[in-house]
C-alpha atoms as a PDB file:
ATOM      1  CA  MET A   1      -0.032   0.276   0.089  1.00  0.00           C
ATOM      2  CA  HIS A   2       1.048   3.304  -0.922  1.00  0.00           C
ATOM      3  CA  GLY A   3       2.596   5.586   1.912  1.00  0.00           C
ATOM      4  CA  GLU A   4       0.132   8.325   1.322  1.00  0.00           C
ATOM      5  CA  THR A   5      -2.879   5.994   1.020  1.00  0.00           C
ATOM      6  CA  LEU A   6      -2.184   4.244   4.205  1.00  0.00           C
ATOM      7  CA  ALA A   7      -1.779   7.557   6.265  1.00  0.00           C
ATOM      8  CA  SER A   8      -5.037   8.526   4.717  1.00  0.00           C
ATOM      9  CA  TRP A   9      -6.653   5.426   6.145  1.00  0.00           C
ATOM     10  CA  LEU A  10      -4.849   6.055   9.483  1.00  0.00           C
ATOM     11  CA  SER A  11      -6.026   9.632   9.531  1.00  0.00           C
ATOM     12  CA  ALA A  12      -9.637   8.462   9.248  1.00  0.00           C
ATOM     13  CA  LEU A  13      -9.460   6.110  12.335  1.00  0.00           C
ATOM     14  CA  ALA A  14     -10.903   7.725  15.489  1.00  0.00           C
ATOM     15  CA  GLY A  15      -8.118   8.450  17.958  1.00  0.00           C
ATOM     16  CA  TYR A  16      -5.284   8.437  15.638  1.00  0.00           C
ATOM     17  CA  SER A  17      -3.353  11.381  13.599  1.00  0.00           C
ATOM     18  CA  VAL A  18      -0.577  11.330  11.123  1.00  0.00           C
ATOM     19  CA  VAL A  19       2.447  13.518  11.865  1.00  0.00           C
ATOM     20  CA  GLY A  20       4.287  12.894   8.822  1.00  0.00           C
ATOM     21  CA  ILE A  21       5.195  10.557   5.942  1.00  0.00           C
ATOM     22  CA  VAL A  22       9.036   9.994   4.957  1.00  0.00           C
ATOM     23  CA  SER A  23      11.067   7.794   2.568  1.00  0.00           C
ATOM     24  CA  THR A  24      14.211   7.558   4.279  1.00  0.00           C
ATOM     25  CA  GLY A  25      15.622   6.803   7.847  1.00  0.00           C
ATOM     26  CA  PRO A  26      17.499   9.991   8.148  1.00  0.00           C
ATOM     27  CA  CYS A  27      13.989  11.769   7.437  1.00  0.00           C
ATOM     28  CA  LEU A  28      12.343   9.312   9.785  1.00  0.00           C
ATOM     29  CA  LEU A  29      14.807  10.081  12.908  1.00  0.00           C
ATOM     30  CA  GLN A  30      14.436  14.050  12.288  1.00  0.00           C
ATOM     31  CA  LEU A  31      10.550  13.663  11.827  1.00  0.00           C
ATOM     32  CA  CYS A  32      10.488  12.055  15.408  1.00  0.00           C
ATOM     33  CA  VAL A  33      12.433  14.826  16.891  1.00  0.00           C
ATOM     34  CA  LEU A  34      10.157  17.456  15.441  1.00  0.00           C
ATOM     35  CA  ARG A  35       6.806  15.792  16.009  1.00  0.00           C
ATOM     36  CA  ALA A  36       7.633  12.841  18.804  1.00  0.00           C
ATOM     37  CA  PRO A  37       4.964  10.543  17.239  1.00  0.00           C
ATOM     38  CA  ASP A  38       3.729   7.538  19.778  1.00  0.00           C
ATOM     39  CA  ILE A  39       3.918   4.721  16.943  1.00  0.00           C
ATOM     40  CA  ALA A  40       6.140   4.739  13.790  1.00  0.00           C
ATOM     41  CA  LEU A  41       5.200   2.360  10.972  1.00  0.00           C
ATOM     42  CA  LEU A  42       8.328   1.262   9.080  1.00  0.00           C
ATOM     43  CA  ARG A  43       8.334  -0.508   5.872  1.00  0.00           C
ATOM     44  CA  THR A  44      11.157  -3.110   6.070  1.00  0.00           C
ATOM     45  CA  LYS A  45      12.672  -4.684   3.267  1.00  0.00           C
ATOM     46  CA  ALA A  46      15.178  -7.359   4.118  1.00  0.00           C
ATOM     47  CA  ALA A  47      16.291  -6.653   7.878  1.00  0.00           C
ATOM     48  CA  ASP A  48      19.832  -5.692   6.823  1.00  0.00           C
ATOM     49  CA  ASP A  49      22.402  -3.998   8.937  1.00  0.00           C
ATOM     50  CA  GLU A  50      21.028  -0.468   7.722  1.00  0.00           C
ATOM     51  CA  GLU A  51      17.450  -1.070   8.553  1.00  0.00           C
ATOM     52  CA  LEU A  52      18.467  -2.954  11.861  1.00  0.00           C
ATOM     53  CA  ALA A  53      20.693   0.158  13.091  1.00  0.00           C
ATOM     54  CA  LEU A  54      17.708   2.472  12.278  1.00  0.00           C
ATOM     55  CA  VAL A  55      15.636   0.606  14.493  1.00  0.00           C
ATOM     56  CA  ARG A  56      18.040   0.780  17.362  1.00  0.00           C
ATOM     57  CA  LYS A  57      18.660   4.385  16.927  1.00  0.00           C
ATOM     58  CA  LEU A  58      14.853   5.062  17.045  1.00  0.00           C
ATOM     59  CA  ARG A  59      14.518   3.157  20.237  1.00  0.00           C
ATOM     60  CA  ALA A  60      17.669   4.689  21.727  1.00  0.00           C
ATOM     61  CA  ASP A  61      16.702   8.247  20.944  1.00  0.00           C
ATOM     62  CA  HIS A  62      12.993   7.947  21.822  1.00  0.00           C
ATOM     63  CA  PRO A  63      12.642   5.065  24.512  1.00  0.00           C
ATOM     64  CA  GLY A  64       8.695   6.080  24.398  1.00  0.00           C
ATOM     65  CA  LEU A  65       8.246   5.363  20.899  1.00  0.00           C
ATOM     66  CA  ARG A  66       6.756   2.027  19.508  1.00  0.00           C
ATOM     67  CA  VAL A  67       7.806   0.809  16.088  1.00  0.00           C
ATOM     68  CA  ILE A  68       5.483  -1.449  13.976  1.00  0.00           C
ATOM     69  CA  GLY A  69       7.206  -3.215  10.953  1.00  0.00           C
ATOM     70  CA  LEU A  70       5.487  -3.687   7.674  1.00  0.00           C
ATOM     71  CA  GLN A  71       7.078  -6.458   6.121  1.00  0.00           C
ATOM     72  CA  TYR A  72       6.660  -8.184   2.583  1.00  0.00           C
ATOM     73  CA  PRO A  73       7.223 -10.745   2.376  1.00  0.00           C
ATOM     74  CA  PHE A  74       6.866 -12.362   5.837  1.00  0.00           C
ATOM     75  CA  ASP A  75      10.127 -13.966   6.691  1.00  0.00           C
ATOM     76  CA  PRO A  76      10.770 -15.638  10.210  1.00  0.00           C
ATOM     77  CA  GLN A  77      14.502 -15.083   9.991  1.00  0.00           C
ATOM     78  CA  GLU A  78      14.105 -11.046   9.182  1.00  0.00           C
ATOM     79  CA  SER A  79      11.303 -10.858  11.963  1.00  0.00           C
ATOM     80  CA  LEU A  80      13.525 -12.344  14.317  1.00  0.00           C
ATOM     81  CA  ARG A  81      16.395  -9.986  13.552  1.00  0.00           C
ATOM     82  CA  LEU A  82      13.930  -7.192  13.471  1.00  0.00           C
ATOM     83  CA  HIS A  83      12.475  -8.299  16.909  1.00  0.00           C
ATOM     84  CA  HIS A  84      15.837  -8.198  18.653  1.00  0.00           C
ATOM     85  CA  ALA A  85      16.456  -4.627  17.218  1.00  0.00           C
ATOM     86  CA  GLY A  86      13.463  -3.388  19.013  1.00  0.00           C
ATOM     87  CA  VAL A  87      10.475  -3.704  16.665  1.00  0.00           C
ATOM     88  CA  HIS A  88       7.219  -3.946  18.763  1.00  0.00           C
ATOM     89  CA  ARG A  89       4.878  -5.719  16.224  1.00  0.00           C
ATOM     90  CA  LEU A  90       5.324  -7.058  12.599  1.00  0.00           C
ATOM     91  CA  VAL A  91       2.596  -6.967  10.262  1.00  0.00           C
ATOM     92  CA  SER A  92       2.717  -8.514   6.891  1.00  0.00           C
ATOM     93  CA  LEU A  93       1.939  -6.256   3.889  1.00  0.00           C
ATOM     94  CA  ARG A  94      -0.304  -9.444   2.721  1.00  0.00           C
ATOM     95  CA  SER A  95      -2.599  -8.903   5.792  1.00  0.00           C
ATOM     96  CA  ASP A  96      -5.727  -7.210   5.868  1.00  0.00           C
ATOM     97  CA  LEU A  97      -5.946  -3.749   7.390  1.00  0.00           C
ATOM     98  CA  SER A  98      -7.724  -5.303  10.233  1.00  0.00           C
ATOM     99  CA  VAL A  99      -4.325  -7.032  11.264  1.00  0.00           C
ATOM    100  CA  LEU A 100      -2.818  -3.829  11.351  1.00  0.00           C
ATOM    101  CA  PHE A 101      -5.675  -1.852  13.025  1.00  0.00           C
ATOM    102  CA  ALA A 102      -5.167  -4.601  15.943  1.00  0.00           C
ATOM    103  CA  ALA A 103      -1.562  -4.082  16.292  1.00  0.00           C
ATOM    104  CA  LEU A 104      -2.233  -0.377  16.723  1.00  0.00           C
ATOM    105  CA  GLU A 105      -4.810  -0.847  19.266  1.00  0.00           C
ATOM    106  CA  ASP A 106      -2.665  -3.061  21.260  1.00  0.00           C
ATOM    107  CA  LEU A 107       0.164  -0.716  21.435  1.00  0.00           C
ATOM    108  CA  ARG A 108      -1.785   2.130  21.941  1.00  0.00           C
ATOM    109  CA  GLN A 109      -3.676   0.387  25.024  1.00  0.00           C
ATOM    110  CA  HIS A 110      -0.680  -1.144  26.788  1.00  0.00           C
ATOM    111  CA  GLY A 111       2.324   0.980  25.471  1.00  0.00           C
ATOM    112  CA  GLU A 112       3.110   3.400  28.409  1.00  0.00           C
ATOM    113  CA  PHE A 113       3.819   6.422  25.779  1.00  0.00           C
ATOM    114  CA  ALA A 114       6.017   9.205  27.457  1.00  0.00           C
ATOM    115  CA  ASN A 115       3.930  12.424  28.202  1.00  0.00           C
ATOM    116  CA  ARG A 116       5.918  14.708  25.862  1.00  0.00           C
ATOM    117  CA  ARG A 117       5.048  17.784  23.861  1.00  0.00           C
ATOM    118  CA  PRO A 118       5.664  17.559  19.968  1.00  0.00           C
ATOM    119  CA  ARG A 119       8.659  20.040  19.180  1.00  0.00           C
ATOM    120  CA  LEU A 120       6.336  21.318  16.330  1.00  0.00           C
ATOM    121  CA  THR A 121       2.997  22.092  17.698  1.00  0.00           C
ATOM    122  CA  ASP A 122      -0.240  22.107  15.817  1.00  0.00           C
ATOM    123  CA  ARG A 123      -0.152  25.945  15.725  1.00  0.00           C
ATOM    124  CA  GLU A 124       3.258  25.925  14.488  1.00  0.00           C
ATOM    125  CA  LEU A 125       1.992  23.537  11.708  1.00  0.00           C
ATOM    126  CA  GLU A 126      -0.609  25.871  10.886  1.00  0.00           C
ATOM    127  CA  VAL A 127       2.071  29.035  10.755  1.00  0.00           C
ATOM    128  CA  LEU A 128       4.401  26.798   8.729  1.00  0.00           C
ATOM    129  CA  ALA A 129       1.586  25.955   6.222  1.00  0.00           C
ATOM    130  CA  LEU A 130       0.855  29.650   5.413  1.00  0.00           C
ATOM    131  CA  VAL A 131       4.569  30.619   5.665  1.00  0.00           C
ATOM    132  CA  CYS A 132       5.320  28.265   3.081  1.00  0.00           C
ATOM    133  CA  GLY A 133       2.104  29.195   1.070  1.00  0.00           C
ATOM    134  CA  GLY A 134       4.190  32.677   0.541  1.00  0.00           C
ATOM    135  CA  TYR A 135       1.626  34.442   2.873  1.00  0.00           C
ATOM    136  CA  SER A 136       3.313  37.421   5.045  1.00  0.00           C
ATOM    137  CA  VAL A 137       3.060  37.828   8.441  1.00  0.00           C
ATOM    138  CA  GLU A 138       0.636  40.509   8.059  1.00  0.00           C
ATOM    139  CA  ARG A 139      -1.623  38.431   6.058  1.00  0.00           C
ATOM    140  CA  ILE A 140      -1.320  35.180   8.297  1.00  0.00           C
ATOM    141  CA  ALA A 141      -2.391  37.152  11.487  1.00  0.00           C
ATOM    142  CA  PRO A 142      -6.066  37.623  10.886  1.00  0.00           C
ATOM    143  CA  VAL A 143      -6.531  33.813   9.407  1.00  0.00           C
ATOM    144  CA  LEU A 144      -5.123  32.575  12.574  1.00  0.00           C
ATOM    145  CA  ASN A 145      -6.858  35.407  14.800  1.00  0.00           C
ATOM    146  CA  ILE A 146      -3.414  36.017  16.598  1.00  0.00           C
ATOM    147  CA  SER A 147      -1.185  39.245  16.136  1.00  0.00           C
ATOM    148  CA  PRO A 148       1.453  39.804  13.893  1.00  0.00           C
ATOM    149  CA  HIS A 149       4.206  39.983  16.506  1.00  0.00           C
ATOM    150  CA  THR A 150       2.821  36.625  17.754  1.00  0.00           C
ATOM    151  CA  VAL A 151       3.205  35.094  14.145  1.00  0.00           C
ATOM    152  CA  ALA A 152       6.891  36.451  13.894  1.00  0.00           C
ATOM    153  CA  ASN A 153       7.643  34.764  16.974  1.00  0.00           C
ATOM    154  CA  PHE A 154       6.112  31.462  15.748  1.00  0.00           C
ATOM    155  CA  LYS A 155       7.860  31.955  12.403  1.00  0.00           C
ATOM    156  CA  ARG A 156      11.326  32.385  14.385  1.00  0.00           C
ATOM    157  CA  ARG A 157      10.646  29.523  16.581  1.00  0.00           C
ATOM    158  CA  ILE A 158       9.895  27.389  13.399  1.00  0.00           C
ATOM    159  CA  PHE A 159      12.844  27.894  11.642  1.00  0.00           C
ATOM    160  CA  ALA A 160      15.205  27.491  14.650  1.00  0.00           C
ATOM    161  CA  LYS A 161      13.589  24.083  15.088  1.00  0.00           C
ATOM    162  CA  LEU A 162      13.897  23.292  11.275  1.00  0.00           C
ATOM    163  CA  GLU A 163      17.222  24.804  11.259  1.00  0.00           C
ATOM    164  CA  VAL A 164      16.570  26.713   7.960  1.00  0.00           C
ATOM    165  CA  GLN A 165      17.039  30.530   7.340  1.00  0.00           C
ATOM    166  CA  SER A 166      14.384  31.072   4.913  1.00  0.00           C
ATOM    167  CA  ARG A 167      10.649  30.684   3.804  1.00  0.00           C
ATOM    168  CA  THR A 168      12.038  28.724   0.743  1.00  0.00           C
ATOM    169  CA  GLN A 169      14.401  26.412   3.204  1.00  0.00           C
ATOM    170  CA  ALA A 170      11.343  25.811   5.314  1.00  0.00           C
ATOM    171  CA  ALA A 171       9.084  24.725   2.636  1.00  0.00           C
ATOM    172  CA  VAL A 172      11.878  22.225   1.135  1.00  0.00           C
ATOM    173  CA  GLU A 173      12.242  20.689   4.784  1.00  0.00           C
ATOM    174  CA  ALA A 174       8.233  20.596   5.451  1.00  0.00           C
ATOM    175  CA  GLU A 175       8.127  18.736   1.881  1.00  0.00           C
ATOM    176  CA  ARG A 176      11.005  16.383   2.796  1.00  0.00           C
ATOM    177  CA  LEU A 177       9.463  15.359   5.924  1.00  0.00           C
ATOM    178  CA  GLY A 178       5.944  15.254   4.724  1.00  0.00           C
ATOM    179  CA  LEU A 179       4.970  17.821   7.381  1.00  0.00           C
ATOM    180  CA  LEU A 180       2.238  19.464   5.218  1.00  0.00           C
ATOM    181  CA  ARG A 181       1.105  16.837   2.851  1.00  0.00           C
ATOM    182  CA  VAL A 182      -0.344  14.208   5.468  1.00  0.00           C
ATOM    183  CA  GLY A 183      -3.751  13.238   4.303  1.00  0.00           C
ATOM    184  CA  THR A 184      -3.510  15.655   1.121  1.00  0.00           C
ATOM    185  CA  PRO A 185      -4.120  14.270  -2.208  1.00  0.00           C
ATOM    186  CA  SER A 186      -1.429  14.828  -4.701  1.00  0.00           C
ATOM    187  CA  PRO A 187      -1.948  17.273  -7.569  1.00  0.00           C
ATOM    188  CA  GLU A 188       0.271  15.385  -9.924  1.00  0.00           C
ATOM    189  CA  ARG A 189      -2.075  12.103  -9.057  1.00  0.00           C
ATOM    190  CA  GLY A 190      -5.569  13.630  -8.893  1.00  0.00           C
ATOM    191  CA  GLY A 191      -5.576  17.305  -9.708  1.00  0.00           C
ATOM    192  CA  PRO A 192      -7.786  20.281  -8.230  1.00  0.00           C
ATOM    193  CA  PRO A 193     -10.906  18.836  -6.562  1.00  0.00           C
ATOM    194  CA  SER A 194     -14.331  19.754  -8.111  1.00  0.00           C
ATOM    195  CA  LEU A 195     -15.595  22.811  -5.998  1.00  0.00           C
ATOM    196  CA  THR A 196     -19.219  24.232  -5.752  1.00  0.00           C
ATOM    197  CA  SER A 197     -19.736  27.764  -5.953  1.00  0.00           C
ATOM    198  CA  ARG A 198     -20.621  27.835  -2.356  1.00  0.00           C
ATOM    199  CA  ASP A 199     -16.984  26.040  -1.508  1.00  0.00           C
ATOM    200  CA  ARG A 200     -15.522  28.655  -3.449  1.00  0.00           C
ATOM    201  CA  ASP A 201     -17.209  31.498  -1.485  1.00  0.00           C
ATOM    202  CA  ILE A 202     -16.063  30.063   1.558  1.00  0.00           C
ATOM    203  CA  LEU A 203     -12.486  29.441   0.392  1.00  0.00           C
ATOM    204  CA  ALA A 204     -12.583  33.026  -0.685  1.00  0.00           C
ATOM    205  CA  SER A 205     -13.538  34.309   2.894  1.00  0.00           C
ATOM    206  CA  ILE A 206     -10.850  32.281   4.252  1.00  0.00           C
ATOM    207  CA  ALA A 207      -8.264  33.864   2.014  1.00  0.00           C
ATOM    208  CA  ARG A 208      -9.646  37.287   3.057  1.00  0.00           C
ATOM    209  CA  GLY A 209      -8.725  36.319   6.682  1.00  0.00           C
ATOM    210  CA  GLU A 210     -12.525  36.267   7.926  1.00  0.00           C
ATOM    211  CA  SER A 211     -13.922  34.323  10.655  1.00  0.00           C
ATOM    212  CA  VAL A 212     -16.667  31.778  10.486  1.00  0.00           C
ATOM    213  CA  ARG A 213     -19.077  34.573  11.751  1.00  0.00           C
ATOM    214  CA  GLN A 214     -17.811  37.022   9.200  1.00  0.00           C
ATOM    215  CA  THR A 215     -18.497  34.310   6.498  1.00  0.00           C
ATOM    216  CA  ALA A 216     -21.934  33.550   7.567  1.00  0.00           C
ATOM    217  CA  ASN A 217     -22.779  37.377   7.625  1.00  0.00           C
ATOM    218  CA  ALA A 218     -21.176  37.985   4.001  1.00  0.00           C
ATOM    219  CA  LEU A 219     -23.293  35.027   2.685  1.00  0.00           C
ATOM    220  CA  GLY A 220     -26.204  35.519   4.577  1.00  0.00           C
ATOM    221  CA  ILE A 221     -26.186  31.765   6.282  1.00  0.00           C
ATOM    222  CA  ALA A 222     -26.067  30.420   9.505  1.00  0.00           C
ATOM    223  CA  MET A 223     -22.817  29.689  10.985  1.00  0.00           C
ATOM    224  CA  LYS A 224     -23.582  26.113  11.594  1.00  0.00           C
ATOM    225  CA  THR A 225     -24.039  25.947   7.722  1.00  0.00           C
ATOM    226  CA  VAL A 226     -20.877  27.669   7.209  1.00  0.00           C
ATOM    227  CA  GLN A 227     -19.154  25.065   9.391  1.00  0.00           C
ATOM    228  CA  SER A 228     -20.960  22.312   7.543  1.00  0.00           C
ATOM    229  CA  GLU A 229     -19.798  23.674   4.407  1.00  0.00           C
ATOM    230  CA  GLN A 230     -16.565  24.237   5.587  1.00  0.00           C
ATOM    231  CA  ARG A 231     -16.230  20.693   6.715  1.00  0.00           C
ATOM    232  CA  ASN A 232     -17.074  19.493   3.232  1.00  0.00           C
ATOM    233  CA  LEU A 233     -14.372  21.711   1.673  1.00  0.00           C
ATOM    234  CA  PHE A 234     -11.792  20.478   4.006  1.00  0.00           C
ATOM    235  CA  PHE A 235     -12.907  16.915   3.062  1.00  0.00           C
ATOM    236  CA  LYS A 236     -12.405  17.795  -0.883  1.00  0.00           C
ATOM    237  CA  LEU A 237      -9.170  19.415  -0.132  1.00  0.00           C
ATOM    238  CA  GLY A 238      -7.769  16.823   2.094  1.00  0.00           C
ATOM    239  CA  VAL A 239      -6.883  19.170   4.972  1.00  0.00           C
ATOM    240  CA  ALA A 240      -7.937  19.329   8.712  1.00  0.00           C
ATOM    241  CA  ASN A 241      -8.152  23.385   9.300  1.00  0.00           C
ATOM    242  CA  ARG A 242      -8.316  26.603   7.675  1.00  0.00           C
ATOM    243  CA  ALA A 243      -4.796  27.276   7.503  1.00  0.00           C
ATOM    244  CA  GLU A 244      -4.022  24.076   5.655  1.00  0.00           C
ATOM    245  CA  ALA A 245      -7.128  24.708   3.234  1.00  0.00           C
ATOM    246  CA  LEU A 246      -5.690  28.015   2.128  1.00  0.00           C
ATOM    247  CA  PHE A 247      -2.140  26.772   1.674  1.00  0.00           C
ATOM    248  CA  ARG A 248      -3.301  23.553  -0.365  1.00  0.00           C
ATOM    249  CA  ALA A 249      -5.946  26.073  -2.362  1.00  0.00           C
ATOM    250  CA  ARG A 250      -2.926  28.267  -3.148  1.00  0.00           C
ATOM    251  CA  ALA A 251      -0.842  25.464  -4.203  1.00  0.00           C
ATOM    252  CA  LEU A 252      -3.528  24.207  -6.602  1.00  0.00           C
ATOM    253  CA  GLY A 253      -4.364  27.596  -7.983  1.00  0.00           C
ATOM    254  CA  LEU A 254      -7.921  27.697  -6.422  1.00  0.00           C
ATOM    255  CA  VAL A 255      -7.326  31.339  -4.651  1.00  0.00           C
ATOM    256  CA  ASP A 256      -5.501  34.620  -5.952  1.00  0.00           C
ATOM    257  CA  ASP A 257      -2.425  35.446  -4.228  1.00  0.00           C
ATOM    258  CA  CYS A 258      -3.824  38.804  -3.013  1.00  0.00           C
END
């Protein structure tokens, strides 16, 4: 199963959220530092020295992290090596998703996860999405209902955590670590979603930095209707909030850069 397809499935599960999708060991190590997940899904190939070293480093650097190895084909010797390296559960990619779900639930219910805050908070991810979308501090502030000074502070902290110096470098790092594309459909595969006129009205309101109440007043509809329509819009864009919707829509050319 493709990584982003699996991520979409996981994101739809109650009680779960995906913090990133990466394709290399070094990226996984950095992502775990920035977002500190409780569970890491690791697609294994041959349980060679490189993979075993990656598992050992994950366990050493993040004692509270639980590791699930996704293995295909399912080889007993490889499984044993991965088990000794520190993988908590092994699931064959030939198995039904219910097997993976059972492994996730078992680790969630019995794993003693550390009480730790992710280095990149949800709010910082919202700011990162808009910064990478090309929006200025002044444009971001009303969208998130915070002051430009607060946005600037968030931006400085984000750049420090990502160890970058510019918006462009931040965008490259965010893409490399999968921080802004979790659950988001790829434009190369599916293209822009089909939006209704109401979807576009709400999207334009978000781009203007208007609140849900302001959107409702402008469109002459109830706030609950705006919230319902907004949820439908988020689903079409494959995002979770207004900041991500704006970032995604701008990337797809659905809103003007004004």
